[in-house]
Structures are given as structure tokens and as C-alpha cells.
Amino acid sequence: MIYAALKTIHLLSVIVWIGGMVFAQFFLRPSLATLEVPQRVQLMHQVLGRFFKAVLLSAGLVLVTGGWMIGRMARQMSHSGVKFNMPMEWMVMASLGILMVLIFGHIRFALYKKLTRAVNAQDWPAGAAVLASIRTGVSVNLVLGVLIVLVTLLGAAS
């Protein structure tokens, strides 16, 4: 029962994170091209501030629930006298997931702070440049997230 609840939290957190990146990259950002740079930078600053709070919670939940589920499986196998060999797709999921969290940390705690400084200084060219860097990081994380989902689904199918 607790495993199912944690797996549900894990999956919903992944959906929030990946879904938000898809929305931002493919729907929000292109729609903002009609706005002038100051309005675009200010709006993205506000949207990203809210989104990054959700991702911070989601990433934390993904790490905690994923670690707990792996640890639980390892303990169960150990108590049964069976050596725990983590499946390859779990290793890929955990490794790339940690990389995603590190990339997000850079985006949130370095790049977003630069964006905030640019917005506060009304330095719109600097803000636009930081948004381009954020977009690159989000694109990398989106590719990693989709790769994790594919590896996990293919592993579950075998």
C-alpha cells in the first residue's frame, strides 16, 4: 500500500515537472513572441518563479520517493537472502534524474537569480539573454526526462 502511494506521488511529480517543461517550451514561449521584450521578460520571470516552486517540490518528492522505493526493494531482497541487483533502467532513471535535479538547481539558483536582477534593474537585453540560457537548460532537462520515461517503459515491457 505505501509502495503504491509513493509510486503515485513519484509519477505525479514527474508529470508536473515534464509537463511544465513541455508547456513552457512549446506553448508559452512561442506565444510570447508577440510581446515586446520588457513585457516578455517580466511575464516569463513571474511564470518561472511560480513554476520553479512547483519543480522544487516535485524534484524533492521524486528524489525522496525514488530513493525510498529503491531502498525498500533492496531491503526486501536482502531479508529474503537474495542479492539486490538494481535493474539497468532503474540505474538510468536514478542517474539521469539526479543530473536533472542538478541542472534544475543551476537554473533555479543561478540563472533565475540573474533573471531577477535583470528584471529589477530593467535591463531587458540581459534578461532576454538569461532567458535564452534558461531555455537551453530546460531543453536539456526535457530531453533527459523523456529519455528516462522511455528507458523505464522499455525496461518494464521486457
Protein backbone atom coordinates (compact mmCIF):
# COMPACT_ATOMS: atom_id res chain seq x y z
CA MET A 1 0.00 0.00 0.00
CA ILE A 2 2.70 2.52 0.94
CA TYR A 3 4.77 1.49 -2.10
CA ALA A 4 1.79 2.21 -4.38
CA ALA A 5 1.21 5.59 -2.73
CA LEU A 6 4.87 6.57 -3.08
CA LYS A 7 4.98 5.41 -6.69
CA THR A 8 1.88 7.51 -7.40
CA ILE A 9 3.48 10.58 -5.80
CA HIS A 10 6.66 9.84 -7.77
CA LEU A 11 4.81 9.63 -11.10
CA LEU A 12 2.62 12.68 -10.45
CA SER A 13 5.71 14.71 -9.56
CA VAL A 14 7.40 13.62 -12.80
CA ILE A 15 4.26 14.57 -14.75
CA VAL A 16 4.19 18.06 -13.20
CA TRP A 17 7.87 18.62 -13.98
CA ILE A 18 7.95 17.24 -17.54
CA GLY A 19 4.51 18.60 -18.39
CA GLY A 20 5.50 22.06 -17.23
CA MET A 21 8.63 21.98 -19.35
CA VAL A 22 6.62 20.91 -22.41
CA PHE A 23 4.09 23.68 -21.82
CA ALA A 24 6.77 26.34 -21.34
CA GLN A 25 8.89 25.29 -24.32
CA PHE A 26 6.24 24.55 -26.92
CA PHE A 27 3.24 26.68 -25.97
CA LEU A 28 4.07 29.59 -23.67
CA ARG A 29 7.42 30.72 -25.08
CA PRO A 30 6.33 30.82 -28.75
CA SER A 31 3.14 32.67 -27.78
CA LEU A 32 5.15 35.37 -26.04
CA ALA A 33 6.98 36.28 -29.26
CA THR A 34 4.25 38.82 -29.98
CA LEU A 35 5.13 40.81 -26.84
CA GLU A 36 7.79 43.47 -26.59
CA VAL A 37 10.98 42.36 -24.82
CA PRO A 38 10.25 44.11 -21.48
CA GLN A 39 6.79 42.54 -21.20
CA ARG A 40 8.08 39.14 -22.32
CA VAL A 41 10.94 39.13 -19.79
CA GLN A 42 8.69 40.29 -16.95
CA LEU A 43 6.00 37.73 -17.72
CA MET A 44 8.49 34.87 -18.02
CA HIS A 45 10.08 35.95 -14.73
CA GLN A 46 6.71 35.72 -13.00
CA VAL A 47 5.73 32.43 -14.65
CA LEU A 48 9.12 30.80 -13.99
CA GLY A 49 9.04 31.92 -10.36
CA ARG A 50 5.79 30.03 -9.83
CA PHE A 51 6.87 27.04 -11.93
CA PHE A 52 10.22 26.71 -10.19
CA LYS A 53 8.48 26.49 -6.80
CA ALA A 54 6.43 23.58 -8.13
CA VAL A 55 9.52 21.93 -9.65
CA LEU A 56 11.46 22.34 -6.42
CA LEU A 57 8.71 20.43 -4.60
CA SER A 58 8.34 17.89 -7.43
CA ALA A 59 12.09 17.24 -7.69
CA GLY A 60 12.32 16.76 -3.94
CA LEU A 61 9.41 14.32 -3.99
CA VAL A 62 10.91 12.42 -6.93
CA LEU A 63 14.24 12.04 -5.12
CA VAL A 64 12.69 11.01 -1.80
CA THR A 65 10.12 8.60 -3.22
CA GLY A 66 12.54 7.11 -5.74
CA GLY A 67 15.22 6.59 -3.11
CA TRP A 68 12.70 5.10 -0.71
CA MET A 69 11.34 2.66 -3.32
CA ILE A 70 14.83 1.51 -4.34
CA GLY A 71 15.85 1.15 -0.70
CA ARG A 72 12.70 -0.78 0.14
CA MET A 73 13.27 -3.21 -2.72
CA ALA A 74 16.91 -3.70 -1.70
CA ARG A 75 15.91 -4.37 1.93
CA GLN A 76 13.21 -6.84 0.92
CA MET A 77 15.59 -8.79 -1.27
CA SER A 78 18.31 -8.70 1.39
CA HIS A 79 15.90 -10.03 4.01
CA SER A 80 14.98 -12.82 1.59
CA GLY A 81 18.64 -13.74 1.22
CA VAL A 82 18.74 -12.61 -2.40
CA LYS A 83 21.42 -10.26 -3.68
CA PHE A 84 19.91 -6.99 -4.88
CA ASN A 85 20.95 -6.05 -8.40
CA MET A 86 19.33 -2.81 -9.38
CA PRO A 87 17.78 -3.13 -12.86
CA MET A 88 19.55 -1.15 -15.58
CA GLU A 89 16.51 1.06 -16.22
CA TRP A 90 16.45 1.99 -12.52
CA MET A 91 20.14 2.93 -12.69
CA VAL A 92 19.48 5.07 -15.77
CA MET A 93 16.43 6.63 -14.11
CA ALA A 94 18.31 7.42 -10.89
CA SER A 95 21.47 8.71 -12.58
CA LEU A 96 19.72 10.89 -15.14
CA GLY A 97 17.19 12.02 -12.53
CA ILE A 98 19.99 13.26 -10.29
CA LEU A 99 21.54 15.02 -13.29
CA MET A 100 18.17 16.68 -13.98
CA VAL A 101 17.97 17.89 -10.39
CA LEU A 102 21.49 19.34 -10.64
CA ILE A 103 20.63 21.12 -13.90
CA PHE A 104 17.43 22.44 -12.35
CA GLY A 105 19.42 23.64 -9.34
CA HIS A 106 21.68 25.65 -11.64
CA ILE A 107 18.69 27.07 -13.49
CA ARG A 108 16.80 27.96 -10.31
CA PHE A 109 19.57 29.15 -8.02
CA ALA A 110 21.99 30.74 -10.52
CA LEU A 111 20.20 31.67 -13.74
CA TYR A 112 16.87 32.67 -12.21
CA LYS A 113 18.68 34.93 -9.73
CA LYS A 114 20.40 36.62 -12.70
CA LEU A 115 16.99 37.00 -14.34
CA THR A 116 15.59 38.56 -11.17
CA ARG A 117 18.50 41.04 -11.05
CA ALA A 118 17.96 41.94 -14.71
CA VAL A 119 14.22 42.47 -14.16
CA ASN A 120 14.83 44.60 -11.06
CA ALA A 121 17.38 46.70 -12.99
CA GLN A 122 15.06 46.82 -16.02
CA ASP A 123 17.96 45.50 -18.10
CA TRP A 124 15.83 43.82 -20.75
CA PRO A 125 18.65 42.66 -23.05
CA ALA A 126 20.37 40.95 -20.09
CA GLY A 127 17.03 39.43 -19.05
CA ALA A 128 16.43 38.10 -22.56
CA ALA A 129 19.93 36.59 -22.61
CA VAL A 130 19.35 34.84 -19.28
CA LEU A 131 16.01 33.53 -20.55
CA ALA A 132 17.85 32.02 -23.52
CA SER A 133 20.21 30.24 -21.09
CA ILE A 134 17.25 29.04 -19.01
CA ARG A 135 15.57 27.76 -22.18
CA THR A 136 18.70 25.77 -23.04
CA GLY A 137 18.81 24.18 -19.59
CA VAL A 138 15.11 23.39 -19.69
CA SER A 139 15.53 21.84 -23.15
CA VAL A 140 18.30 19.59 -21.87
CA ASN A 141 16.19 18.56 -18.88
CA LEU A 142 13.20 17.91 -21.10
CA VAL A 143 15.24 15.58 -23.31
CA LEU A 144 16.62 13.80 -20.23
CA GLY A 145 13.15 13.48 -18.72
CA VAL A 146 11.69 11.97 -21.89
CA LEU A 147 14.69 9.64 -22.16
CA ILE A 148 14.10 8.45 -18.60
CA VAL A 149 10.44 7.77 -19.34
CA LEU A 150 11.31 5.82 -22.50
CA VAL A 151 14.04 3.75 -20.82
CA THR A 152 11.74 3.00 -17.91
CA LEU A 153 8.83 2.00 -20.15
CA LEU A 154 11.04 -0.16 -22.36
CA GLY A 155 12.53 -1.84 -19.29
CA ALA A 156 9.10 -2.50 -17.83
CA ALA A 157 7.96 -4.02 -21.14
CA SER A 158 10.80 -6.55 -21.24
